[in-house]
Amino acid sequence: SFVLSGIVIGSISQGVIMFLKYIADPERQL
């Protein structure tokens, strides 16, 4: 259960990171 919970939280974090990369300034922030 804990490993699956970690995978869920990790996947959500990665999804948010991908969105933040999408809206980031390509020259500086990205």
PDB file of all heavy atoms in Angstrom:
ATOM      1  N   SER A   1       0.831  -1.211   0.000  1.00  0.00           N
ATOM      2  CA  SER A   1       0.000   0.000   0.000  1.00  0.00           C
ATOM      3  C   SER A   1       0.859   1.252   0.000  1.00  0.00           C
ATOM      4  O   SER A   1       0.570   2.221  -0.711  1.00  0.00           O
ATOM      5  CB  SER A   1      -0.924   0.009   1.228  1.00  0.00           C
ATOM      6  OG  SER A   1      -1.822  -1.067   1.175  1.00  0.00           O
ATOM      7  N   PHE A   2       1.929   1.222   0.792  1.00  0.00           N
ATOM      8  CA  PHE A   2       2.789   2.403   0.871  1.00  0.00           C
ATOM      9  C   PHE A   2       3.524   2.635  -0.441  1.00  0.00           C
ATOM     10  O   PHE A   2       3.639   3.772  -0.908  1.00  0.00           O
ATOM     11  CB  PHE A   2       3.791   2.262   2.016  1.00  0.00           C
ATOM     12  CG  PHE A   2       4.606   3.505   2.218  1.00  0.00           C
ATOM     13  CD1 PHE A   2       4.067   4.596   2.885  1.00  0.00           C
ATOM     14  CD2 PHE A   2       5.883   3.603   1.712  1.00  0.00           C
ATOM     15  CE1 PHE A   2       4.788   5.762   3.049  1.00  0.00           C
ATOM     16  CE2 PHE A   2       6.622   4.754   1.871  1.00  0.00           C
ATOM     17  CZ  PHE A   2       6.072   5.838   2.547  1.00  0.00           C
ATOM     18  N   VAL A   3       4.029   1.564  -1.054  1.00  0.00           N
ATOM     19  CA  VAL A   3       4.725   1.698  -2.335  1.00  0.00           C
ATOM     20  C   VAL A   3       3.771   2.241  -3.397  1.00  0.00           C
ATOM     21  O   VAL A   3       4.127   3.143  -4.167  1.00  0.00           O
ATOM     22  CB  VAL A   3       5.322   0.342  -2.773  1.00  0.00           C
ATOM     23  CG1 VAL A   3       5.848   0.426  -4.205  1.00  0.00           C
ATOM     24  CG2 VAL A   3       6.448  -0.071  -1.828  1.00  0.00           C
ATOM     25  N   LEU A   4       2.554   1.707  -3.441  1.00  0.00           N
ATOM     26  CA  LEU A   4       1.569   2.192  -4.410  1.00  0.00           C
ATOM     27  C   LEU A   4       1.229   3.658  -4.146  1.00  0.00           C
ATOM     28  O   LEU A   4       1.073   4.443  -5.093  1.00  0.00           O
ATOM     29  CB  LEU A   4       0.300   1.335  -4.347  1.00  0.00           C
ATOM     30  CG  LEU A   4       0.432  -0.096  -4.897  1.00  0.00           C
ATOM     31  CD1 LEU A   4      -0.840  -0.889  -4.626  1.00  0.00           C
ATOM     32  CD2 LEU A   4       0.748  -0.076  -6.391  1.00  0.00           C
ATOM     33  N   SER A   5       1.128   4.029  -2.864  1.00  0.00           N
ATOM     34  CA  SER A   5       0.855   5.429  -2.510  1.00  0.00           C
ATOM     35  C   SER A   5       1.993   6.330  -2.989  1.00  0.00           C
ATOM     36  O   SER A   5       1.755   7.425  -3.518  1.00  0.00           O
ATOM     37  CB  SER A   5       0.689   5.571  -0.994  1.00  0.00           C
ATOM     38  OG  SER A   5      -0.397   4.811  -0.528  1.00  0.00           O
ATOM     39  N   GLY A   6       3.234   5.852  -2.817  1.00  0.00           N
ATOM     40  CA  GLY A   6       4.391   6.616  -3.279  1.00  0.00           C
ATOM     41  C   GLY A   6       4.382   6.793  -4.784  1.00  0.00           C
ATOM     42  O   GLY A   6       4.700   7.869  -5.308  1.00  0.00           O
ATOM     43  N   ILE A   7       3.997   5.736  -5.491  1.00  0.00           N
ATOM     44  CA  ILE A   7       3.926   5.812  -6.956  1.00  0.00           C
ATOM     45  C   ILE A   7       2.852   6.803  -7.394  1.00  0.00           C
ATOM     46  O   ILE A   7       3.049   7.591  -8.329  1.00  0.00           O
ATOM     47  CB  ILE A   7       3.659   4.416  -7.548  1.00  0.00           C
ATOM     48  CG1 ILE A   7       4.880   3.504  -7.327  1.00  0.00           C
ATOM     49  CG2 ILE A   7       3.334   4.503  -9.044  1.00  0.00           C
ATOM     50  CD1 ILE A   7       4.637   2.051  -7.664  1.00  0.00           C
ATOM     51  N   VAL A   8       1.707   6.791  -6.683  1.00  0.00           N
ATOM     52  CA  VAL A   8       0.615   7.727  -7.003  1.00  0.00           C
ATOM     53  C   VAL A   8       1.073   9.168  -6.795  1.00  0.00           C
ATOM     54  O   VAL A   8       0.898  10.029  -7.679  1.00  0.00           O
ATOM     55  CB  VAL A   8      -0.622   7.429  -6.130  1.00  0.00           C
ATOM     56  CG1 VAL A   8      -1.651   8.553  -6.247  1.00  0.00           C
ATOM     57  CG2 VAL A   8      -1.250   6.104  -6.530  1.00  0.00           C
ATOM     58  N   ILE A   9       1.656   9.447  -5.640  1.00  0.00           N
ATOM     59  CA  ILE A   9       2.122  10.809  -5.339  1.00  0.00           C
ATOM     60  C   ILE A   9       3.214  11.229  -6.324  1.00  0.00           C
ATOM     61  O   ILE A   9       3.230  12.360  -6.816  1.00  0.00           O
ATOM     62  CB  ILE A   9       2.651  10.896  -3.889  1.00  0.00           C
ATOM     63  CG1 ILE A   9       1.530  10.574  -2.883  1.00  0.00           C
ATOM     64  CG2 ILE A   9       3.235  12.272  -3.610  1.00  0.00           C
ATOM     65  CD1 ILE A   9       0.341  11.495  -2.965  1.00  0.00           C
ATOM     66  N   GLY A  10       4.129  10.290  -6.635  1.00  0.00           N
ATOM     67  CA  GLY A  10       5.193  10.589  -7.596  1.00  0.00           C
ATOM     68  C   GLY A  10       4.642  10.901  -8.973  1.00  0.00           C
ATOM     69  O   GLY A  10       5.107  11.824  -9.653  1.00  0.00           O
ATOM     70  N   SER A  11       3.631  10.142  -9.395  1.00  0.00           N
ATOM     71  CA  SER A  11       3.026  10.358 -10.712  1.00  0.00           C
ATOM     72  C   SER A  11       2.307  11.709 -10.777  1.00  0.00           C
ATOM     73  O   SER A  11       2.409  12.438 -11.780  1.00  0.00           O
ATOM     74  CB  SER A  11       2.038   9.233 -11.028  1.00  0.00           C
ATOM     75  OG  SER A  11       2.689   7.986 -11.050  1.00  0.00           O
ATOM     76  N   ILE A  12       1.586  12.040  -9.705  1.00  0.00           N
ATOM     77  CA  ILE A  12       0.907  13.348  -9.661  1.00  0.00           C
ATOM     78  C   ILE A  12       1.932  14.478  -9.716  1.00  0.00           C
ATOM     79  O   ILE A  12       1.755  15.473 -10.439  1.00  0.00           O
ATOM     80  CB  ILE A  12       0.039  13.463  -8.389  1.00  0.00           C
ATOM     81  CG1 ILE A  12      -1.130  12.468  -8.455  1.00  0.00           C
ATOM     82  CG2 ILE A  12      -0.485  14.886  -8.213  1.00  0.00           C
ATOM     83  CD1 ILE A  12      -1.918  12.351  -7.164  1.00  0.00           C
ATOM     84  N   SER A  13       3.014  14.319  -8.949  1.00  0.00           N
ATOM     85  CA  SER A  13       4.073  15.340  -8.946  1.00  0.00           C
ATOM     86  C   SER A  13       4.662  15.516 -10.340  1.00  0.00           C
ATOM     87  O   SER A  13       4.873  16.647 -10.803  1.00  0.00           O
ATOM     88  CB  SER A  13       5.177  14.955  -7.962  1.00  0.00           C
ATOM     89  OG  SER A  13       4.696  14.874  -6.645  1.00  0.00           O
ATOM     90  N   GLN A  14       4.915  14.393 -11.021  1.00  0.00           N
ATOM     91  CA  GLN A  14       5.480  14.466 -12.368  1.00  0.00           C
ATOM     92  C   GLN A  14       4.514  15.157 -13.332  1.00  0.00           C
ATOM     93  O   GLN A  14       4.937  15.910 -14.215  1.00  0.00           O
ATOM     94  CB  GLN A  14       5.814  13.063 -12.872  1.00  0.00           C
ATOM     95  CG  GLN A  14       7.025  12.424 -12.225  1.00  0.00           C
ATOM     96  CD  GLN A  14       8.312  13.160 -12.531  1.00  0.00           C
ATOM     97  OE1 GLN A  14       8.406  13.951 -13.469  1.00  0.00           O
ATOM     98  NE2 GLN A  14       9.337  12.913 -11.728  1.00  0.00           N
ATOM     99  N   GLY A  15       3.213  14.891 -13.159  1.00  0.00           N
ATOM    100  CA  GLY A  15       2.221  15.535 -14.005  1.00  0.00           C
ATOM    101  C   GLY A  15       2.210  17.049 -13.805  1.00  0.00           C
ATOM    102  O   GLY A  15       2.148  17.818 -14.772  1.00  0.00           O
ATOM    103  N   VAL A  16       2.278  17.478 -12.542  1.00  0.00           N
ATOM    104  CA  VAL A  16       2.310  18.918 -12.247  1.00  0.00           C
ATOM    105  C   VAL A  16       3.593  19.541 -12.799  1.00  0.00           C
ATOM    106  O   VAL A  16       3.575  20.651 -13.341  1.00  0.00           O
ATOM    107  CB  VAL A  16       2.197  19.162 -10.723  1.00  0.00           C
ATOM    108  CG1 VAL A  16       2.313  20.652 -10.410  1.00  0.00           C
ATOM    109  CG2 VAL A  16       0.876  18.616 -10.183  1.00  0.00           C
ATOM    110  N   ILE A  17       4.710  18.816 -12.660  1.00  0.00           N
ATOM    111  CA  ILE A  17       5.991  19.323 -13.180  1.00  0.00           C
ATOM    112  C   ILE A  17       5.916  19.520 -14.693  1.00  0.00           C
ATOM    113  O   ILE A  17       6.394  20.538 -15.223  1.00  0.00           O
ATOM    114  CB  ILE A  17       7.138  18.352 -12.822  1.00  0.00           C
ATOM    115  CG1 ILE A  17       7.414  18.386 -11.318  1.00  0.00           C
ATOM    116  CG2 ILE A  17       8.415  18.711 -13.587  1.00  0.00           C
ATOM    117  CD1 ILE A  17       8.303  17.259 -10.835  1.00  0.00           C
ATOM    118  N   MET A  18       5.301  18.575 -15.405  1.00  0.00           N
ATOM    119  CA  MET A  18       5.173  18.706 -16.857  1.00  0.00           C
ATOM    120  C   MET A  18       4.341  19.935 -17.219  1.00  0.00           C
ATOM    121  O   MET A  18       4.656  20.651 -18.177  1.00  0.00           O
ATOM    122  CB  MET A  18       4.562  17.434 -17.451  1.00  0.00           C
ATOM    123  CG  MET A  18       5.535  16.264 -17.526  1.00  0.00           C
ATOM    124  SD  MET A  18       4.896  14.852 -18.458  1.00  0.00           S
ATOM    125  CE  MET A  18       3.751  14.156 -17.262  1.00  0.00           C
ATOM    126  N   PHE A  19       3.280  20.191 -16.440  1.00  0.00           N
ATOM    127  CA  PHE A  19       2.457  21.391 -16.690  1.00  0.00           C
ATOM    128  C   PHE A  19       3.264  22.660 -16.433  1.00  0.00           C
ATOM    129  O   PHE A  19       3.198  23.621 -17.217  1.00  0.00           O
ATOM    130  CB  PHE A  19       1.212  21.366 -15.800  1.00  0.00           C
ATOM    131  CG  PHE A  19       0.393  22.625 -15.894  1.00  0.00           C
ATOM    132  CD1 PHE A  19      -0.375  22.880 -17.023  1.00  0.00           C
ATOM    133  CD2 PHE A  19       0.411  23.559 -14.868  1.00  0.00           C
ATOM    134  CE1 PHE A  19      -1.123  24.051 -17.125  1.00  0.00           C
ATOM    135  CE2 PHE A  19      -0.329  24.727 -14.954  1.00  0.00           C
ATOM    136  CZ  PHE A  19      -1.098  24.975 -16.093  1.00  0.00           C
ATOM    137  N   LEU A  20       4.038  22.668 -15.339  1.00  0.00           N
ATOM    138  CA  LEU A  20       4.860  23.836 -15.023  1.00  0.00           C
ATOM    139  C   LEU A  20       5.912  24.074 -16.106  1.00  0.00           C
ATOM    140  O   LEU A  20       6.212  25.224 -16.447  1.00  0.00           O
ATOM    141  CB  LEU A  20       5.538  23.652 -13.655  1.00  0.00           C
ATOM    142  CG  LEU A  20       4.609  23.612 -12.437  1.00  0.00           C
ATOM    143  CD1 LEU A  20       5.407  23.375 -11.160  1.00  0.00           C
ATOM    144  CD2 LEU A  20       3.789  24.892 -12.335  1.00  0.00           C
ATOM    145  N   LYS A  21       6.478  22.993 -16.650  1.00  0.00           N
ATOM    146  CA  LYS A  21       7.437  23.140 -17.751  1.00  0.00           C
ATOM    147  C   LYS A  21       6.753  23.740 -18.982  1.00  0.00           C
ATOM    148  O   LYS A  21       7.353  24.533 -19.723  1.00  0.00           O
ATOM    149  CB  LYS A  21       8.044  21.780 -18.110  1.00  0.00           C
ATOM    150  CG  LYS A  21       9.059  21.260 -17.106  1.00  0.00           C
ATOM    151  CD  LYS A  21       9.601  19.909 -17.564  1.00  0.00           C
ATOM    152  CE  LYS A  21      10.643  19.382 -16.596  1.00  0.00           C
ATOM    153  NZ  LYS A  21      11.169  18.056 -17.017  1.00  0.00           N
ATOM    154  N   TYR A  22       5.488  23.359 -19.189  1.00  0.00           N
ATOM    155  CA  TYR A  22       4.733  23.843 -20.356  1.00  0.00           C
ATOM    156  C   TYR A  22       4.516  25.352 -20.288  1.00  0.00           C
ATOM    157  O   TYR A  22       4.594  26.052 -21.302  1.00  0.00           O
ATOM    158  CB  TYR A  22       3.394  23.114 -20.430  1.00  0.00           C
ATOM    159  CG  TYR A  22       2.489  23.585 -21.537  1.00  0.00           C
ATOM    160  CD1 TYR A  22       2.749  23.246 -22.866  1.00  0.00           C
ATOM    161  CD2 TYR A  22       1.374  24.369 -21.254  1.00  0.00           C
ATOM    162  CE1 TYR A  22       1.923  23.693 -23.889  1.00  0.00           C
ATOM    163  CE2 TYR A  22       0.540  24.819 -22.273  1.00  0.00           C
ATOM    164  CZ  TYR A  22       0.817  24.476 -23.583  1.00  0.00           C
ATOM    165  OH  TYR A  22      -0.002  24.922 -24.584  1.00  0.00           O
ATOM    166  N   ILE A  23       4.258  25.873 -19.081  1.00  0.00           N
ATOM    167  CA  ILE A  23       3.979  27.313 -18.932  1.00  0.00           C
ATOM    168  C   ILE A  23       5.235  28.121 -18.604  1.00  0.00           C
ATOM    169  O   ILE A  23       5.175  29.342 -18.509  1.00  0.00           O
ATOM    170  CB  ILE A  23       2.909  27.559 -17.845  1.00  0.00           C
ATOM    171  CG1 ILE A  23       3.433  27.129 -16.460  1.00  0.00           C
ATOM    172  CG2 ILE A  23       1.607  26.850 -18.187  1.00  0.00           C
ATOM    173  CD1 ILE A  23       2.496  27.508 -15.315  1.00  0.00           C
ATOM    174  N   ALA A  24       6.362  27.438 -18.414  1.00  0.00           N
ATOM    175  CA  ALA A  24       7.594  28.140 -18.034  1.00  0.00           C
ATOM    176  C   ALA A  24       8.186  28.908 -19.211  1.00  0.00           C
ATOM    177  O   ALA A  24       7.969  28.561 -20.375  1.00  0.00           O
ATOM    178  CB  ALA A  24       8.618  27.134 -17.508  1.00  0.00           C
ATOM    179  N   ASP A  25       8.940  29.951 -18.875  1.00  0.00           N
ATOM    180  CA  ASP A  25       9.686  30.702 -19.881  1.00  0.00           C
ATOM    181  C   ASP A  25      10.780  29.792 -20.450  1.00  0.00           C
ATOM    182  O   ASP A  25      11.669  29.354 -19.702  1.00  0.00           O
ATOM    183  CB  ASP A  25      10.318  31.937 -19.228  1.00  0.00           C
ATOM    184  CG  ASP A  25      11.166  32.756 -20.200  1.00  0.00           C
ATOM    185  OD1 ASP A  25      11.278  32.352 -21.366  1.00  0.00           O
ATOM    186  OD2 ASP A  25      11.726  33.774 -19.769  1.00  0.00           O
ATOM    187  N   PRO A  26      10.751  29.478 -21.758  1.00  0.00           N
ATOM    188  CA  PRO A  26      11.711  28.508 -22.327  1.00  0.00           C
ATOM    189  C   PRO A  26      13.171  28.919 -22.158  1.00  0.00           C
ATOM    190  O   PRO A  26      14.043  28.065 -22.054  1.00  0.00           O
ATOM    191  CB  PRO A  26      11.324  28.455 -23.812  1.00  0.00           C
ATOM    192  CG  PRO A  26       9.927  28.953 -23.864  1.00  0.00           C
ATOM    193  CD  PRO A  26       9.804  29.955 -22.764  1.00  0.00           C
ATOM    194  N   GLU A  27      13.439  30.212 -22.162  1.00  0.00           N
ATOM    195  CA  GLU A  27      14.826  30.668 -22.132  1.00  0.00           C
ATOM    196  C   GLU A  27      15.441  30.649 -20.738  1.00  0.00           C
ATOM    197  O   GLU A  27      16.626  30.400 -20.581  1.00  0.00           O
ATOM    198  CB  GLU A  27      14.929  32.078 -22.717  1.00  0.00           C
ATOM    199  CG  GLU A  27      14.612  32.130 -24.208  1.00  0.00           C
ATOM    200  CD  GLU A  27      14.828  33.524 -24.777  1.00  0.00           C
ATOM    201  OE1 GLU A  27      15.277  34.407 -24.008  1.00  0.00           O
ATOM    202  OE2 GLU A  27      14.535  33.719 -25.958  1.00  0.00           O
ATOM    203  N   ARG A  28      14.632  30.940 -19.707  1.00  0.00           N
ATOM    204  CA  ARG A  28      15.201  31.031 -18.352  1.00  0.00           C
ATOM    205  C   ARG A  28      14.670  29.936 -17.427  1.00  0.00           C
ATOM    206  O   ARG A  28      15.409  29.102 -16.946  1.00  0.00           O
ATOM    207  CB  ARG A  28      14.909  32.400 -17.736  1.00  0.00           C
ATOM    208  CG  ARG A  28      15.571  33.569 -18.457  1.00  0.00           C
ATOM    209  CD  ARG A  28      15.341  34.878 -17.708  1.00  0.00           C
ATOM    210  NE  ARG A  28      13.913  35.153 -17.533  1.00  0.00           N
ATOM    211  CZ  ARG A  28      13.260  35.020 -16.361  1.00  0.00           C
ATOM    212  NH1 ARG A  28      13.888  34.604 -15.288  1.00  0.00           N
ATOM    213  NH2 ARG A  28      11.976  35.304 -16.286  1.00  0.00           N
ATOM    214  N   GLN A  29      13.378  29.933 -17.203  1.00  0.00           N
ATOM    215  CA  GLN A  29      12.801  29.059 -16.187  1.00  0.00           C
ATOM    216  C   GLN A  29      12.874  27.579 -16.564  1.00  0.00           C
ATOM    217  O   GLN A  29      13.228  26.740 -15.736  1.00  0.00           O
ATOM    218  CB  GLN A  29      11.350  29.478 -15.916  1.00  0.00           C
ATOM    219  CG  GLN A  29      11.229  30.869 -15.320  1.00  0.00           C
ATOM    220  CD  GLN A  29       9.785  31.329 -15.239  1.00  0.00           C
ATOM    221  OE1 GLN A  29       8.948  30.967 -16.074  1.00  0.00           O
ATOM    222  NE2 GLN A  29       9.485  32.133 -14.234  1.00  0.00           N
ATOM    223  N   LEU A  30      12.548  27.268 -17.812  1.00  0.00           N
ATOM    224  CA  LEU A  30      12.572  25.870 -18.246  1.00  0.00           C
ATOM    225  C   LEU A  30      13.984  25.298 -18.158  1.00  0.00           C
ATOM    226  O   LEU A  30      14.182  24.169 -17.686  1.00  0.00           O
ATOM    227  CB  LEU A  30      12.037  25.749 -19.682  1.00  0.00           C
ATOM    228  CG  LEU A  30      11.958  24.328 -20.255  1.00  0.00           C
ATOM    229  CD1 LEU A  30      11.064  23.451 -19.400  1.00  0.00           C
ATOM    230  CD2 LEU A  30      11.453  24.368 -21.694  1.00  0.00           C
TER     231      LEU A  30
END
